[in-house]
Amino acid sequence: MKLPQVSGKEVLKVLVKEGFEVKRQKGSHVHLVKITPAKTFHVTVPVHGSVDLNPFVFRCIARQAGFTTDEFAKLF
């Protein structure tokens, strides 16, 4: 599956919709957390205006959030 071209802002909106909460922000990096009974997920999203994320960064965010790359791409 081809990865979508999305910005950090768009990823942030999707993660909040999926139950993540913004924990803090340091500079242009937003740290989110999602606590489940089985595991706690910590995700860092770079938000550099409307600049699209590198595919490598997109895959890393998906892995941190507990999704496969395909599952995460379908949310967009």
C-alpha atoms as a PDB file:
ATOM      1  CA  MET A   1       0.000   0.000   0.000  1.00  0.00           C
ATOM      2  CA  LYS A   2       1.261   3.469  -0.859  1.00  0.00           C
ATOM      3  CA  LEU A   3       1.797   5.718   2.154  1.00  0.00           C
ATOM      4  CA  PRO A   4      -0.234   8.926   2.296  1.00  0.00           C
ATOM      5  CA  GLN A   5       1.493  12.318   2.155  1.00  0.00           C
ATOM      6  CA  VAL A   6       0.397  13.870   5.445  1.00  0.00           C
ATOM      7  CA  SER A   7       1.676  16.609   7.713  1.00  0.00           C
ATOM      8  CA  GLY A   8       2.352  16.346  11.422  1.00  0.00           C
ATOM      9  CA  LYS A   9      -0.827  18.329  12.119  1.00  0.00           C
ATOM     10  CA  GLU A  10      -2.943  15.757  10.283  1.00  0.00           C
ATOM     11  CA  VAL A  11      -1.271  12.871  12.131  1.00  0.00           C
ATOM     12  CA  LEU A  12      -1.897  14.652  15.415  1.00  0.00           C
ATOM     13  CA  LYS A  13      -5.634  14.992  14.659  1.00  0.00           C
ATOM     14  CA  VAL A  14      -5.948  11.288  13.786  1.00  0.00           C
ATOM     15  CA  LEU A  15      -4.090  10.147  16.911  1.00  0.00           C
ATOM     16  CA  VAL A  16      -6.263  12.318  19.176  1.00  0.00           C
ATOM     17  CA  LYS A  17      -9.336  10.849  17.474  1.00  0.00           C
ATOM     18  CA  GLU A  18      -7.935   7.353  18.211  1.00  0.00           C
ATOM     19  CA  GLY A  19      -7.734   8.079  21.938  1.00  0.00           C
ATOM     20  CA  PHE A  20      -4.284   9.588  22.439  1.00  0.00           C
ATOM     21  CA  GLU A  21      -3.894  12.587  24.735  1.00  0.00           C
ATOM     22  CA  VAL A  22      -1.379  15.390  24.302  1.00  0.00           C
ATOM     23  CA  LYS A  23       1.042  15.062  27.206  1.00  0.00           C
ATOM     24  CA  ARG A  24       3.389  17.949  26.434  1.00  0.00           C
ATOM     25  CA  GLN A  25       5.129  19.855  23.666  1.00  0.00           C
ATOM     26  CA  LYS A  26       8.792  20.777  23.440  1.00  0.00           C
ATOM     27  CA  GLY A  27       9.565  23.007  20.503  1.00  0.00           C
ATOM     28  CA  SER A  28       7.969  21.542  17.408  1.00  0.00           C
ATOM     29  CA  HIS A  29       7.605  18.006  18.821  1.00  0.00           C
ATOM     30  CA  VAL A  30       4.325  16.978  20.427  1.00  0.00           C
ATOM     31  CA  HIS A  31       4.368  14.061  22.870  1.00  0.00           C
ATOM     32  CA  LEU A  32       1.189  11.991  23.158  1.00  0.00           C
ATOM     33  CA  VAL A  33       0.236   9.114  25.440  1.00  0.00           C
ATOM     34  CA  LYS A  34      -2.472   6.441  25.425  1.00  0.00           C
ATOM     35  CA  ILE A  35      -2.924   4.236  28.481  1.00  0.00           C
ATOM     36  CA  THR A  36      -4.629   0.872  27.985  1.00  0.00           C
ATOM     37  CA  PRO A  37      -4.920  -2.002  30.477  1.00  0.00           C
ATOM     38  CA  ALA A  38      -2.367  -4.017  28.509  1.00  0.00           C
ATOM     39  CA  LYS A  39       0.157  -1.336  27.522  1.00  0.00           C
ATOM     40  CA  THR A  40       0.985   2.358  27.583  1.00  0.00           C
ATOM     41  CA  PHE A  41       1.813   3.917  24.217  1.00  0.00           C
ATOM     42  CA  HIS A  42       4.107   6.968  23.927  1.00  0.00           C
ATOM     43  CA  VAL A  43       4.249   8.744  20.564  1.00  0.00           C
ATOM     44  CA  THR A  44       6.276  11.760  19.422  1.00  0.00           C
ATOM     45  CA  VAL A  45       5.013  13.707  16.397  1.00  0.00           C
ATOM     46  CA  PRO A  46       7.061  16.446  14.713  1.00  0.00           C
ATOM     47  CA  VAL A  47       4.834  19.364  13.716  1.00  0.00           C
ATOM     48  CA  HIS A  48       6.693  21.618  11.289  1.00  0.00           C
ATOM     49  CA  GLY A  49       3.853  23.679   9.879  1.00  0.00           C
ATOM     50  CA  SER A  50       2.221  22.034   6.887  1.00  0.00           C
ATOM     51  CA  VAL A  51       5.362  20.158   5.752  1.00  0.00           C
ATOM     52  CA  ASP A  52       4.676  16.511   4.826  1.00  0.00           C
ATOM     53  CA  LEU A  53       6.276  13.811   6.947  1.00  0.00           C
ATOM     54  CA  ASN A  54       9.038  11.618   5.598  1.00  0.00           C
ATOM     55  CA  PRO A  55       7.760   8.036   4.976  1.00  0.00           C
ATOM     56  CA  PHE A  56      10.312   6.732   7.483  1.00  0.00           C
ATOM     57  CA  VAL A  57       8.910   9.052  10.187  1.00  0.00           C
ATOM     58  CA  PHE A  58       5.355   8.017   9.263  1.00  0.00           C
ATOM     59  CA  ARG A  59       6.273   4.330   9.788  1.00  0.00           C
ATOM     60  CA  CYS A  60       7.978   5.113  13.112  1.00  0.00           C
ATOM     61  CA  ILE A  61       4.909   6.971  14.406  1.00  0.00           C
ATOM     62  CA  ALA A  62       2.669   4.056  13.358  1.00  0.00           C
ATOM     63  CA  ARG A  63       4.923   1.595  15.215  1.00  0.00           C
ATOM     64  CA  GLN A  64       5.017   3.781  18.354  1.00  0.00           C
ATOM     65  CA  ALA A  65       1.215   4.022  18.315  1.00  0.00           C
ATOM     66  CA  GLY A  66       0.778   0.247  18.063  1.00  0.00           C
ATOM     67  CA  PHE A  67      -0.499   0.144  14.482  1.00  0.00           C
ATOM     68  CA  THR A  68       0.857  -1.595  11.432  1.00  0.00           C
ATOM     69  CA  THR A  69       1.777   0.775   8.623  1.00  0.00           C
ATOM     70  CA  ASP A  70      -1.247  -0.319   6.566  1.00  0.00           C
ATOM     71  CA  GLU A  71      -3.680   0.081   9.488  1.00  0.00           C
ATOM     72  CA  PHE A  72      -2.340   3.547  10.207  1.00  0.00           C
ATOM     73  CA  ALA A  73      -2.479   4.593   6.533  1.00  0.00           C
ATOM     74  CA  LYS A  74      -6.162   3.560   6.293  1.00  0.00           C
ATOM     75  CA  LEU A  75      -7.051   6.103   9.012  1.00  0.00           C
ATOM     76  CA  PHE A  76      -6.308   8.952   6.571  1.00  0.00           C
END
